[in-house]
């Protein structure tokens, strides 16, 4: 994550995103991001107790759910 917690474009995103990063990107609270990570149709990757999403799957999910190419 870059130092100012702001991503200027999709190539700035790390390979995996956590709840804090998802909340920043989508403008959600952390609780909202965790709800999203726990939802059935979201491409969550579980690593131990951590919930992450792969950058490419996140972008694909945004495109599928917005109807707009990101």
Protein backbone atom coordinates (compact mmCIF):
# COMPACT_ATOMS: atom_id res chain seq x y z
CA UNK A 1 0.00 0.00 0.00
CA UNK A 2 1.39 3.39 -0.83
CA UNK A 3 2.13 5.86 1.94
CA UNK A 4 -0.91 8.09 1.51
CA UNK A 5 -3.42 5.17 1.42
CA UNK A 6 -4.67 6.29 -1.98
CA UNK A 7 -4.59 4.31 -5.17
CA UNK A 8 -4.39 6.42 -8.31
CA UNK A 9 -5.12 3.54 -10.68
CA UNK A 10 -5.68 -0.19 -10.63
CA UNK A 11 -2.03 -0.99 -11.28
CA UNK A 12 -1.22 0.61 -7.89
CA UNK A 13 -3.24 -2.06 -6.09
CA UNK A 14 -1.35 -4.85 -4.32
CA UNK A 15 -1.88 -8.44 -5.50
CA UNK A 16 -4.16 -9.13 -2.53
CA UNK A 17 -6.48 -6.70 -0.79
CA UNK A 18 -7.59 -6.76 2.83
CA UNK A 19 -10.70 -5.23 4.43
CA UNK A 20 -9.01 -1.89 5.10
CA UNK A 21 -7.92 -1.54 1.49
CA UNK A 22 -11.32 -2.59 0.16
CA UNK A 23 -13.00 -0.05 2.42
CA UNK A 24 -10.71 2.70 1.10
CA UNK A 25 -11.26 1.77 -2.54
CA UNK A 26 -15.04 1.45 -2.31
CA UNK A 27 -15.61 4.17 0.29
CA UNK A 28 -17.05 1.72 2.82
CA UNK A 29 -16.52 1.36 6.53
CA UNK A 30 -14.25 -1.50 7.60
CA UNK A 31 -17.34 -3.28 8.92
CA UNK A 32 -18.94 -2.89 5.48
CA UNK A 33 -15.81 -4.32 3.84
CA UNK A 34 -15.88 -7.30 6.22
CA UNK A 35 -19.56 -7.83 5.37
CA UNK A 36 -18.63 -7.82 1.70
CA UNK A 37 -15.77 -10.27 2.33
CA UNK A 38 -18.27 -12.55 4.07
CA UNK A 39 -20.90 -12.40 1.35
CA UNK A 40 -21.61 -15.40 -0.83
CA UNK A 41 -20.93 -13.79 -4.22
CA UNK A 42 -17.69 -12.02 -3.31
CA UNK A 43 -14.41 -13.77 -4.33
CA UNK A 44 -12.94 -14.03 -0.83
CA UNK A 45 -9.69 -15.89 -0.29
CA UNK A 46 -9.29 -17.24 3.22
CA UNK A 47 -5.75 -17.63 4.52
CA UNK A 48 -5.99 -18.87 8.08
CA UNK A 49 -8.22 -16.34 9.81
CA UNK A 50 -7.47 -13.63 7.26
CA UNK A 51 -9.95 -12.71 4.56
CA UNK A 52 -8.43 -11.32 1.38
CA UNK A 53 -9.36 -10.90 -2.25
CA UNK A 54 -7.03 -11.22 -5.21
CA UNK A 55 -6.69 -7.93 -7.11
CA UNK A 56 -7.76 -9.46 -10.44
CA UNK A 57 -10.83 -11.13 -8.88
CA UNK A 58 -11.74 -7.85 -7.16
CA UNK A 59 -11.55 -5.94 -10.46
CA UNK A 60 -13.59 -8.65 -12.17
CA UNK A 61 -16.18 -8.48 -9.37
CA UNK A 62 -16.41 -4.68 -9.73
CA UNK A 63 -16.94 -4.99 -13.49
CA UNK A 64 -19.56 -7.74 -13.09
CA UNK A 65 -21.47 -5.81 -10.45
CA UNK A 66 -21.30 -2.34 -11.94
CA UNK A 67 -21.91 -3.07 -15.60
CA UNK A 68 -18.93 -0.82 -16.38
CA UNK A 69 -15.47 -1.90 -17.53
CA UNK A 70 -12.99 -0.79 -14.89
